[in-house]
Protein backbone atom coordinates (compact mmCIF):
# COMPACT_ATOMS: atom_id res chain seq x y z
CA MET A 1 114.32 149.38 54.07
CA GLN A 2 116.67 152.31 53.81
CA GLN A 3 119.65 152.34 56.18
CA LEU A 4 119.13 154.38 59.34
CA THR A 5 121.29 157.44 59.87
CA ARG A 6 123.89 157.09 62.59
CA PRO A 7 121.97 159.25 65.14
CA ALA A 8 118.71 157.39 64.41
CA ARG A 9 120.43 154.01 64.69
CA ARG A 10 122.03 154.95 68.00
CA ALA A 11 118.78 156.30 69.42
CA LEU A 12 116.87 153.21 68.34
CA LEU A 13 119.59 150.95 69.73
CA VAL A 14 119.34 152.70 73.10
CA VAL A 15 115.55 152.30 73.06
CA HIS A 16 115.85 148.63 72.12
CA VAL A 17 118.40 147.83 74.83
CA VAL A 18 116.52 149.75 77.54
CA VAL A 19 113.20 148.14 76.66
CA SER A 20 114.70 144.67 76.36
CA VAL A 21 116.50 144.95 79.70
CA GLY A 22 113.28 146.32 81.16
CA TRP A 23 111.42 143.26 79.86
CA LEU A 24 114.01 141.02 81.51
CA GLY A 25 113.69 142.91 84.82
CA LEU A 26 109.91 142.93 84.64
CA THR A 27 109.91 139.18 84.08
CA LEU A 28 112.20 138.74 87.08
CA GLY A 29 109.71 140.74 89.14
CA VAL A 30 106.81 138.61 87.89
CA LEU A 31 108.79 135.49 88.80
CA ALA A 32 109.46 136.84 92.31
CA LEU A 33 105.76 137.58 92.74
CA GLY A 34 104.82 134.11 91.44
CA ILE A 35 107.15 132.48 93.95
CA THR A 36 105.84 134.75 96.71
CA GLY A 37 102.24 133.90 95.88
CA ALA A 38 102.91 130.16 95.70
CA THR A 39 104.83 130.04 98.98
CA ALA A 40 102.90 132.65 100.95
CA GLY A 41 101.86 131.61 104.41
CA SER A 42 98.57 133.44 104.24
CA ALA A 43 95.80 134.00 101.74
CA GLU A 44 96.25 137.77 102.10
CA ALA A 45 99.94 137.62 101.16
CA ALA A 46 99.20 135.39 98.18
CA GLU A 47 96.40 137.69 97.10
CA GLY A 48 98.73 140.71 97.26
CA ALA A 49 101.35 138.93 95.14
CA TYR A 50 98.84 137.87 92.51
CA ARG A 51 97.21 141.30 92.38
CA SER A 52 100.66 142.83 91.85
CA MET A 53 101.36 140.32 89.07
CA ASN A 54 98.10 141.32 87.46
CA VAL A 55 99.01 145.03 87.50
CA LEU A 56 102.41 144.32 85.94
CA GLY A 57 100.81 142.04 83.36
CA ASP A 58 98.03 144.43 82.46
CA TRP A 59 100.12 147.57 82.16
CA LEU A 60 103.65 146.55 81.28
CA LEU A 61 104.24 143.02 79.97
CA ILE A 62 102.52 143.31 76.62
CA PRO A 63 103.59 146.88 75.73
CA ILE A 64 107.23 146.25 76.68
CA SER A 65 107.40 142.93 74.84
CA LEU A 66 105.87 144.48 71.72
CA LEU A 67 108.18 147.50 71.88
CA SER A 68 111.18 145.17 72.18
CA LEU A 69 110.01 143.17 69.16
CA ILE A 70 109.21 146.22 67.03
CA SER A 71 112.39 148.13 67.90
CA GLY A 72 114.48 145.02 67.16
CA VAL A 73 112.85 144.50 63.77
CA VAL A 74 113.25 148.16 62.76
CA LEU A 75 116.84 148.15 63.99
CA SER A 76 117.68 144.99 62.06
CA LEU A 77 116.04 146.22 58.86
CA GLY A 78 117.68 149.64 59.10
CA THR A 79 121.23 148.37 59.62
CA PRO A 80 123.63 146.11 57.72
CA TRP A 81 122.76 143.24 60.10
CA GLY A 82 119.43 142.73 58.35
CA LEU A 83 116.66 140.50 59.64
CA ALA A 84 117.70 137.30 57.85
CA ARG A 85 121.35 137.91 56.94
CA TYR A 86 122.92 136.65 60.16
CA ARG A 87 121.85 133.60 62.10
CA TRP A 88 122.02 135.28 65.49
CA VAL A 89 119.66 138.07 64.37
CA TYR A 90 117.28 135.52 62.86
CA VAL A 91 117.29 133.44 66.07
CA LYS A 92 116.71 136.58 68.14
CA PHE A 93 113.75 137.55 65.98
CA TRP A 94 112.02 134.16 66.22
CA LEU A 95 112.66 133.72 69.95
CA THR A 96 111.46 137.26 70.67
CA LEU A 97 108.34 136.64 68.58
CA ALA A 98 107.70 133.35 70.40
CA THR A 99 108.19 134.83 73.86
CA THR A 100 106.03 137.83 73.00
CA ALA A 101 103.25 135.49 71.89
CA ALA A 102 103.71 133.28 74.96
CA THR A 103 103.56 136.34 77.20
CA ALA A 104 100.44 137.65 75.49
CA PHE A 105 98.51 134.42 75.24
CA ALA A 106 99.78 131.97 77.87
CA LEU A 107 101.25 133.92 80.79
CA ARG A 108 98.63 136.68 80.71
CA ALA A 109 95.85 134.07 80.61
CA ARG A 110 97.35 132.30 83.62
CA ILE A 111 97.71 135.58 85.54
CA ASP A 112 94.08 136.42 84.70
CA ALA A 113 92.98 132.98 85.97
CA ALA A 114 94.93 133.50 89.21
CA MET A 115 93.34 136.93 89.58
CA ALA A 116 89.86 135.45 89.05
CA ASP A 117 90.56 132.86 91.77
CA VAL A 118 91.80 135.56 94.14
CA SER A 119 88.80 137.80 93.43
CA ALA A 120 86.39 134.92 94.08
CA GLY A 121 88.14 134.04 97.33
CA ARG A 122 89.37 130.67 96.04
CA ALA A 123 92.85 129.24 96.35
CA VAL A 124 94.89 129.82 93.19
CA GLY A 125 95.27 126.58 91.25
CA ALA A 126 98.39 125.43 89.36
CA THR A 127 100.77 128.01 90.78
CA THR A 128 103.69 126.24 89.09
CA ASP A 129 102.60 127.84 85.79
CA LEU A 130 103.16 131.26 87.35
CA ILE A 131 106.71 130.24 88.30
CA LEU A 132 107.66 128.09 85.32
CA ALA A 133 106.66 130.55 82.55
CA PRO A 134 108.71 133.50 83.86
CA SER A 135 111.62 131.15 84.61
CA VAL A 136 111.71 129.94 81.01
CA SER A 137 111.36 133.51 79.77
CA LEU A 138 114.31 134.64 81.88
CA GLY A 139 116.43 131.86 80.40
CA VAL A 140 115.45 132.90 76.89
CA TYR A 141 116.16 136.59 77.58
CA ALA A 142 119.58 135.75 79.04
CA PHE A 143 120.33 133.70 75.91
CA LEU A 144 119.16 136.55 73.65
CA THR A 145 121.39 138.98 75.55
CA ALA A 146 124.36 136.65 75.20
CA ILE A 147 123.97 136.19 71.45
CA SER A 148 123.54 139.95 71.02
CA VAL A 149 126.94 140.43 72.61
CA VAL A 150 128.78 137.44 71.10
CA LYS A 151 127.10 137.47 67.65
CA PRO A 152 127.78 133.79 66.87
CA TRP A 153 127.11 131.52 63.88
CA GLY A 154 127.88 133.72 60.90
CA MET A 155 125.71 134.53 57.92
CA THR A 156 122.63 132.74 56.67
CA ALA A 157 122.49 131.41 53.11
CA ARG A 158 120.45 134.51 52.19
CA GLY A 159 123.08 136.77 53.73
CA ARG A 160 125.85 135.06 51.76
CA ARG A 161 123.87 135.47 48.52
CA LEU A 162 123.28 139.17 49.19
CA ARG A 163 126.94 139.74 50.01
CA GLY A 164 127.93 137.92 46.79
CA ARG A 165 125.59 140.10 44.71
CA ARG A 166 127.02 143.27 46.22
CA ALA A 167 130.59 142.12 45.50
CA VAL A 168 129.69 141.36 41.84
CA ALA A 169 127.95 144.74 41.44
CA ARG A 170 131.08 146.61 42.50
């Protein structure tokens, strides 16, 4: 991919950071609602928490996670960091892909099951899933944020080869 111009790179970086931080905050909200639903003293309070989780899951979780993934990939491909040149970028890509898939297929399914229980007037089963999944996600997002700032581990073998080819071509 062609390198992004400086204004385009900056704009995309702002979008990526805002969306990624939004995903982290949204997940924190989902975790708070999961804890509220699991520890609520009444069925009405639990129902309200799970209905709120469902709204956040239906309207925000998937679009924000996908926008974070897509903006990160475009940003990596349009800058010298590349997608597979540096280990930290590569780790970020795979962890973001995994958490996006887990959000789409595991967490959303669990929220839908809780919503079905609430709608049918049943007690929500296995509420630990609605606490554990967002907790793990928050840990992953904190790790991704840290490696974005610190940029550890150096280049991949592919990155070293590409750098060597550029040096020879000069």
